[in-house]
Protein backbone atom coordinates (compact mmCIF):
# COMPACT_ATOMS: atom_id res chain seq x y z
CA UNK A 1 -67.18 -17.37 57.54
CA UNK A 2 -69.90 -17.64 60.17
CA UNK A 3 -68.89 -17.80 63.84
CA UNK A 4 -68.26 -21.27 65.31
CA UNK A 5 -67.58 -22.79 61.88
CA UNK A 6 -64.37 -24.24 60.50
CA UNK A 7 -62.65 -24.78 57.18
CA UNK A 8 -59.76 -26.79 55.83
CA UNK A 9 -59.19 -30.57 55.69
CA UNK A 10 -59.01 -30.21 51.92
CA UNK A 11 -57.21 -33.48 51.13
CA UNK A 12 -58.97 -35.07 48.13
CA UNK A 13 -61.12 -38.04 49.19
CA UNK A 14 -62.67 -40.34 46.56
CA UNK A 15 -66.42 -40.91 46.83
CA UNK A 16 -67.03 -42.59 43.47
CA UNK A 17 -66.43 -46.17 42.28
CA UNK A 18 -63.11 -46.86 40.64
CA UNK A 19 -61.33 -43.81 42.10
CA UNK A 20 -57.89 -44.29 43.63
CA UNK A 21 -57.53 -42.80 47.12
CA UNK A 22 -54.61 -40.44 47.75
CA UNK A 23 -53.86 -42.61 50.77
CA UNK A 24 -51.79 -44.77 48.45
CA UNK A 25 -48.99 -42.21 48.51
CA UNK A 26 -46.24 -42.37 51.11
CA UNK A 27 -46.34 -39.62 53.72
CA UNK A 28 -43.55 -37.09 53.38
CA UNK A 29 -41.26 -36.51 56.40
CA UNK A 30 -42.25 -33.53 58.52
CA UNK A 31 -38.87 -31.86 58.08
CA UNK A 32 -39.21 -31.55 54.30
CA UNK A 33 -40.48 -28.19 53.12
CA UNK A 34 -43.53 -27.74 50.92
CA UNK A 35 -41.49 -27.43 47.72
CA UNK A 36 -39.87 -30.83 48.26
CA UNK A 37 -43.02 -32.53 49.55
CA UNK A 38 -44.40 -33.13 46.06
CA UNK A 39 -41.14 -34.15 44.37
CA UNK A 40 -40.47 -37.71 43.32
CA UNK A 41 -37.79 -39.68 45.13
CA UNK A 42 -35.55 -42.38 43.76
CA UNK A 43 -37.69 -45.24 45.03
CA UNK A 44 -39.98 -46.98 42.55
CA UNK A 45 -43.53 -45.64 42.70
CA UNK A 46 -46.53 -47.95 42.32
CA UNK A 47 -49.40 -46.85 40.06
CA UNK A 48 -51.63 -46.39 43.11
CA UNK A 49 -49.10 -44.12 44.88
CA UNK A 50 -48.47 -42.24 41.65
CA UNK A 51 -52.19 -41.58 41.21
CA UNK A 52 -52.47 -40.43 44.83
CA UNK A 53 -49.56 -38.01 44.41
CA UNK A 54 -51.01 -36.73 41.16
CA UNK A 55 -54.37 -35.94 42.75
CA UNK A 56 -52.85 -34.25 45.82
CA UNK A 57 -50.28 -32.23 43.89
CA UNK A 58 -52.93 -31.03 41.45
CA UNK A 59 -55.11 -29.88 44.34
CA UNK A 60 -52.12 -28.17 45.99
CA UNK A 61 -51.27 -26.23 42.85
CA UNK A 62 -54.89 -25.18 42.41
CA UNK A 63 -55.42 -23.97 45.99
CA UNK A 64 -52.05 -22.15 46.11
CA UNK A 65 -52.96 -20.35 42.90
CA UNK A 66 -56.29 -19.19 44.35
CA UNK A 67 -54.69 -18.07 47.62
CA UNK A 68 -51.92 -16.11 45.88
CA UNK A 69 -54.43 -14.51 43.51
CA UNK A 70 -56.46 -13.17 46.44
CA UNK A 71 -53.48 -12.31 48.63
CA UNK A 72 -54.26 -14.96 51.25
CA UNK A 73 -52.12 -17.43 53.20
CA UNK A 74 -50.87 -19.80 50.48
CA UNK A 75 -48.67 -21.81 52.88
CA UNK A 76 -51.63 -22.73 55.08
CA UNK A 77 -53.74 -23.50 52.00
CA UNK A 78 -51.18 -26.11 50.93
CA UNK A 79 -51.07 -27.51 54.45
CA UNK A 80 -54.86 -27.94 54.37
CA UNK A 81 -54.49 -30.19 51.31
CA UNK A 82 -51.38 -32.17 52.22
CA UNK A 83 -52.04 -32.66 55.95
CA UNK A 84 -55.76 -32.05 56.20
CA UNK A 85 -55.27 -29.07 58.53
CA UNK A 86 -58.34 -27.18 59.73
CA UNK A 87 -59.00 -23.79 61.37
CA UNK A 88 -61.88 -22.19 63.26
CA UNK A 89 -63.39 -18.97 61.93
CA UNK A 90 -61.42 -16.80 64.36
CA UNK A 91 -58.13 -18.59 63.61
CA UNK A 92 -58.79 -18.37 59.87
CA UNK A 93 -59.29 -14.60 60.13
CA UNK A 94 -56.12 -14.21 62.23
CA UNK A 95 -54.05 -16.26 59.75
CA UNK A 96 -55.23 -14.32 56.67
CA UNK A 97 -57.15 -17.31 55.31
CA UNK A 98 -60.50 -15.48 55.09
CA UNK A 99 -61.56 -11.83 54.73
CA UNK A 100 -64.29 -11.48 57.34
CA UNK A 101 -66.65 -13.14 59.86
CA UNK A 102 -70.40 -12.55 59.58
CA UNK A 103 -73.36 -13.89 61.55
CA UNK A 104 -75.84 -13.82 58.65
CA UNK A 105 -76.39 -12.61 55.10
CA UNK A 106 -77.31 -9.07 56.13
CA UNK A 107 -74.12 -8.68 58.19
CA UNK A 108 -72.12 -10.12 55.29
CA UNK A 109 -73.53 -7.52 52.89
CA UNK A 110 -72.73 -4.75 55.39
CA UNK A 111 -69.16 -6.07 55.78
CA UNK A 112 -68.62 -6.23 52.02
CA UNK A 113 -69.89 -2.71 51.40
CA UNK A 114 -67.00 -0.54 50.20
CA UNK A 115 -64.56 -3.46 49.86
CA UNK A 116 -62.30 -3.37 46.80
CA UNK A 117 -62.04 -6.51 44.64
CA UNK A 118 -60.08 -7.28 41.48
CA UNK A 119 -61.90 -8.93 38.57
CA UNK A 120 -59.47 -9.74 35.77
CA UNK A 121 -57.52 -6.51 35.35
CA UNK A 122 -60.14 -4.15 36.80
CA UNK A 123 -60.41 -3.07 40.43
CA UNK A 124 -64.00 -2.63 41.58
CA UNK A 125 -65.54 -1.29 44.76
CA UNK A 126 -68.52 -3.22 46.10
CA UNK A 127 -71.62 -1.19 46.85
CA UNK A 128 -73.90 -3.59 48.73
CA UNK A 129 -76.00 -0.98 50.50
CA UNK A 130 -79.67 -1.64 49.78
CA UNK A 131 -79.12 -5.07 48.17
CA UNK A 132 -81.88 -7.65 48.66
CA UNK A 133 -81.46 -11.42 48.97
CA UNK A 134 -83.25 -13.56 46.37
CA UNK A 135 -83.75 -17.25 47.14
CA UNK A 136 -83.61 -19.61 44.15
CA UNK A 137 -85.84 -22.61 44.76
CA UNK A 138 -84.95 -25.89 42.97
CA UNK A 139 -87.44 -26.97 40.32
CA UNK A 140 -89.41 -30.23 40.61
CA UNK A 141 -86.92 -32.17 38.49
CA UNK A 142 -83.98 -31.25 40.72
CA UNK A 143 -85.96 -32.09 43.84
CA UNK A 144 -87.03 -35.45 42.36
CA UNK A 145 -83.44 -36.36 41.45
CA UNK A 146 -82.28 -35.31 44.92
CA UNK A 147 -84.81 -37.71 46.45
CA UNK A 148 -83.93 -40.60 44.14
CA UNK A 149 -80.19 -40.25 44.74
CA UNK A 150 -80.62 -40.38 48.51
CA UNK A 151 -78.77 -43.62 49.47
CA UNK A 152 -81.68 -44.83 51.62
CA UNK A 153 -84.24 -44.20 48.87
CA UNK A 154 -82.00 -45.85 46.26
CA UNK A 155 -81.62 -48.85 48.58
CA UNK A 156 -85.41 -49.19 48.97
CA UNK A 157 -85.94 -48.81 45.20
CA UNK A 158 -83.43 -51.58 44.56
CA UNK A 159 -85.25 -53.93 46.95
CA UNK A 160 -88.64 -53.10 45.42
CA UNK A 161 -87.25 -53.73 41.95
CA UNK A 162 -85.69 -57.07 42.76
CA UNK A 163 -88.65 -58.42 44.74
CA UNK A 164 -91.11 -57.16 42.12
CA UNK A 165 -89.30 -58.94 39.30
CA UNK A 166 -88.99 -62.15 41.35
CA UNK A 167 -92.72 -62.31 42.04
CA UNK A 168 -93.56 -61.41 38.44
CA UNK A 169 -91.41 -64.27 37.19
CA UNK A 170 -93.00 -66.65 39.69
CA UNK A 171 -96.53 -65.51 38.76
CA UNK A 172 -96.39 -64.49 35.07
CA UNK A 173 -99.16 -62.14 34.10
CA UNK A 174 -99.50 -60.39 37.47
CA UNK A 175 -98.23 -57.24 35.71
CA UNK A 176 -98.26 -54.91 38.76
CA UNK A 177 -95.21 -56.46 40.52
CA UNK A 178 -93.30 -56.59 37.25
CA UNK A 179 -94.09 -53.00 36.23
CA UNK A 180 -93.37 -51.53 39.66
CA UNK A 181 -90.24 -53.68 39.98
CA UNK A 182 -88.84 -52.68 36.58
CA UNK A 183 -89.39 -48.94 37.17
CA UNK A 184 -87.94 -49.11 40.68
CA UNK A 185 -84.88 -51.05 39.52
CA UNK A 186 -84.11 -48.59 36.71
CA UNK A 187 -84.39 -45.66 39.14
CA UNK A 188 -82.12 -47.48 41.61
CA UNK A 189 -79.52 -48.12 38.90
CA UNK A 190 -79.59 -44.42 37.99
CA UNK A 191 -79.01 -43.49 41.64
CA UNK A 192 -76.19 -46.03 42.02
CA UNK A 193 -74.54 -44.55 38.93
CA UNK A 194 -73.90 -41.31 40.82
CA UNK A 195 -73.34 -42.86 44.26
CA UNK A 196 -70.12 -44.53 45.53
CA UNK A 197 -71.45 -48.09 45.30
CA UNK A 198 -69.42 -51.16 46.26
CA UNK A 199 -70.44 -53.75 43.67
CA UNK A 200 -69.44 -56.62 45.97
CA UNK A 201 -72.08 -55.37 48.41
CA UNK A 202 -74.67 -55.14 45.64
CA UNK A 203 -73.85 -58.70 44.55
CA UNK A 204 -74.25 -59.99 48.14
CA UNK A 205 -77.64 -58.27 48.39
CA UNK A 206 -78.77 -59.94 45.17
CA UNK A 207 -77.57 -63.33 46.39
CA UNK A 208 -79.26 -62.81 49.77
CA UNK A 209 -82.61 -61.86 48.23
CA UNK A 210 -82.41 -64.79 45.80
CA UNK A 211 -81.83 -67.20 48.69
CA UNK A 212 -84.67 -65.71 50.76
CA UNK A 213 -87.09 -65.97 47.82
CA UNK A 214 -85.90 -69.53 47.20
CA UNK A 215 -86.70 -70.33 50.83
CA UNK A 216 -90.23 -69.02 50.33
CA UNK A 217 -90.93 -71.23 47.34
CA UNK A 218 -88.69 -74.20 48.16
CA UNK A 219 -88.64 -74.55 51.97
CA UNK A 220 -85.40 -76.00 53.36
CA UNK A 221 -86.34 -75.51 57.03
CA UNK A 222 -84.25 -72.35 57.36
CA UNK A 223 -80.88 -73.34 55.89
CA UNK A 224 -81.24 -71.36 52.65
CA UNK A 225 -83.10 -68.50 54.35
CA UNK A 226 -80.50 -67.97 57.09
CA UNK A 227 -77.74 -67.84 54.49
CA UNK A 228 -79.80 -65.34 52.51
CA UNK A 229 -80.32 -63.03 55.51
CA UNK A 230 -76.61 -63.13 56.40
CA UNK A 231 -75.57 -62.31 52.82
CA UNK A 232 -78.20 -59.56 52.67
CA UNK A 233 -77.03 -57.87 55.89
CA UNK A 234 -73.33 -57.99 54.96
CA UNK A 235 -74.06 -56.67 51.47
CA UNK A 236 -76.18 -53.82 52.86
CA UNK A 237 -73.44 -52.79 55.30
CA UNK A 238 -70.72 -52.58 52.64
CA UNK A 239 -72.97 -51.32 49.83
CA UNK A 240 -71.70 -47.73 49.99
CA UNK A 241 -67.95 -47.60 49.46
CA UNK A 242 -67.30 -44.51 51.58
CA UNK A 243 -67.58 -43.14 55.11
CA UNK A 244 -68.52 -39.66 53.94
CA UNK A 245 -71.56 -38.40 55.82
CA UNK A 246 -74.71 -38.49 53.70
CA UNK A 247 -73.44 -41.27 51.42
CA UNK A 248 -74.26 -44.23 53.66
CA UNK A 249 -77.35 -46.39 54.08
CA UNK A 250 -79.07 -46.06 57.47
CA UNK A 251 -78.33 -49.04 59.70
CA UNK A 252 -81.86 -48.75 61.09
CA UNK A 253 -83.22 -49.29 57.59
CA UNK A 254 -80.88 -52.23 56.97
CA UNK A 255 -81.85 -53.93 60.24
CA UNK A 256 -85.57 -53.30 59.65
CA UNK A 257 -85.49 -54.85 56.18
CA UNK A 258 -83.37 -57.77 57.37
CA UNK A 259 -85.74 -58.48 60.29
CA UNK A 260 -88.74 -58.33 57.95
CA UNK A 261 -87.08 -60.78 55.55
CA UNK A 262 -86.11 -63.09 58.41
CA UNK A 263 -89.68 -63.00 59.77
CA UNK A 264 -91.03 -63.81 56.31
CA UNK A 265 -88.93 -66.90 55.77
CA UNK A 266 -89.35 -67.95 59.43
CA UNK A 267 -93.12 -67.95 58.93
CA UNK A 268 -92.60 -70.07 55.82
CA UNK A 269 -90.47 -72.58 57.73
CA UNK A 270 -93.08 -72.74 60.52
CA UNK A 271 -95.87 -73.43 58.05
CA UNK A 272 -93.78 -76.14 56.38
CA UNK A 273 -93.13 -77.86 59.73
CA UNK A 274 -96.80 -77.74 60.64
CA UNK A 275 -97.73 -79.10 57.23
CA UNK A 276 -95.51 -82.14 57.74
CA UNK A 277 -97.27 -83.00 61.02
CA UNK A 278 -100.78 -82.76 59.57
CA UNK A 279 -102.52 -85.92 58.34
CA UNK A 280 -102.57 -86.61 54.63
CA UNK A 281 -105.87 -85.48 53.09
CA UNK A 282 -105.44 -86.39 49.40
CA UNK A 283 -103.55 -88.66 47.04
CA UNK A 284 -102.73 -92.37 47.11
CA UNK A 285 -101.29 -92.24 50.63
CA UNK A 286 -104.54 -90.87 52.04
CA UNK A 287 -106.49 -93.95 50.82
CA UNK A 288 -104.36 -96.38 52.83
CA UNK A 289 -106.46 -97.35 55.87
CA UNK A 290 -109.64 -95.81 54.46
CA UNK A 291 -112.90 -97.80 54.31
CA UNK A 292 -114.63 -99.20 51.24
CA UNK A 293 -117.84 -101.12 50.58
CA UNK A 294 -118.18 -104.24 48.44
CA UNK A 295 -120.55 -103.77 45.50
CA UNK A 296 -120.79 -107.52 44.92
CA UNK A 297 -119.86 -110.80 46.50
CA UNK A 298 -116.46 -112.09 45.40
CA UNK A 299 -113.78 -114.44 46.60
CA UNK A 300 -110.64 -112.86 45.15
CA UNK A 301 -111.39 -110.02 42.73
CA UNK A 302 -114.38 -107.75 42.57
CA UNK A 303 -115.56 -104.16 42.66
CA UNK A 304 -115.81 -101.86 45.66
CA UNK A 305 -116.83 -98.26 46.29
CA UNK A 306 -114.25 -95.99 47.95
CA UNK A 307 -114.38 -92.19 48.21
CA UNK A 308 -117.47 -92.20 46.02
CA UNK A 309 -115.62 -94.01 43.22
CA UNK A 310 -115.79 -97.57 41.93
CA UNK A 311 -112.48 -99.45 42.19
CA UNK A 312 -111.31 -102.93 41.30
CA UNK A 313 -110.30 -104.72 44.47
CA UNK A 314 -108.50 -107.91 45.52
CA UNK A 315 -109.09 -109.76 48.77
CA UNK A 316 -107.47 -112.83 50.28
CA UNK A 317 -110.81 -114.23 51.47
CA UNK A 318 -114.47 -114.33 50.48
CA UNK A 319 -116.27 -111.02 50.59
CA UNK A 320 -120.04 -110.58 50.90
CA UNK A 321 -122.02 -107.93 49.05
CA UNK A 322 -122.28 -104.70 51.03
CA UNK A 323 -119.56 -105.75 53.46
CA UNK A 324 -117.36 -102.98 54.86
CA UNK A 325 -113.71 -103.28 53.93
CA UNK A 326 -110.40 -101.65 54.88
CA UNK A 327 -107.90 -100.66 52.16
CA UNK A 328 -104.48 -102.20 52.93
CA UNK A 329 -102.52 -101.02 49.88
CA UNK A 330 -102.81 -99.90 46.28
CA UNK A 331 -101.25 -101.73 43.34
CA UNK A 332 -101.74 -99.55 40.29
CA UNK A 333 -105.54 -99.21 40.02
CA UNK A 334 -106.34 -102.26 42.17
CA UNK A 335 -107.08 -101.95 45.87
CA UNK A 336 -105.88 -104.62 48.28
CA UNK A 337 -108.68 -104.91 50.86
CA UNK A 338 -109.63 -106.88 53.92
CA UNK A 339 -112.88 -107.21 55.84
CA UNK A 340 -113.43 -104.97 58.85
CA UNK A 341 -114.00 -107.25 61.80
CA UNK A 342 -116.76 -106.26 64.19
CA UNK A 343 -115.41 -106.02 67.75
CA UNK A 344 -117.05 -108.51 70.11
């Protein structure tokens, strides 16, 4: 070991979906010895506790076998699995858990020089004098897979995939969002296959994104969008089903994406509110109150020009040719008009 390091805490901890944690087993009393700690008692054992005991006992047998094979402290090795015990480098050396302490690789090689080791049935003496250290660099494929399976990268790929497919479905033929979205989503699914994903969190993220996109295309003045942001944040927080360092999504990333989504649907709501307060500029409603001009003299029905078009019109009084009229209402394709009175 290197100075100021520690080892131990070897209790099996699940980091994959569907694995049963050893925490389901009942803790053994402290006064029981290690031989009795793994034995079954007369109480009924649930499948979860049985699986937990099976995992722990298997790890105990394995680590005791290794310790006994190398002449190390087997009792402490079992304690590291059952109770999660841990030791510093100096304590590990004092308790016969390790063979040596070294600051770096060169000191390690010097410490190992002349040490006797047993491989199968043969005893060998290590001759490390003059050895050189060769660094093996991962190839491009391993580095690419390491990047993709980073929880933060997988999270971003999932978002790109979902948003890309949504916009492709809304605008068929765009191609770029659909292609990028499909590739990103497949890569995200590959990463989630090897990461401890909580599928309830993934489902909440999908629901949240669907609600946010719905808000963009069907404004509800924030009701749908707020629900989408809440579902998205909760799903992102519980997406990784473990507290193991390196297997969680950065909260900074979650908050950044959530704020961006909230700003997007807030802008949509603001535009929708402004649109409602603007005057109508097209359609039947826009013609109400507009002006028209009589193309002929008529007493009840005749033709008028409005918005550059010729319309059939009905008036409750006599209308002179060229007279300016105001449109009161529209009945089918007939305008109900009245003369515009000149102010005295």
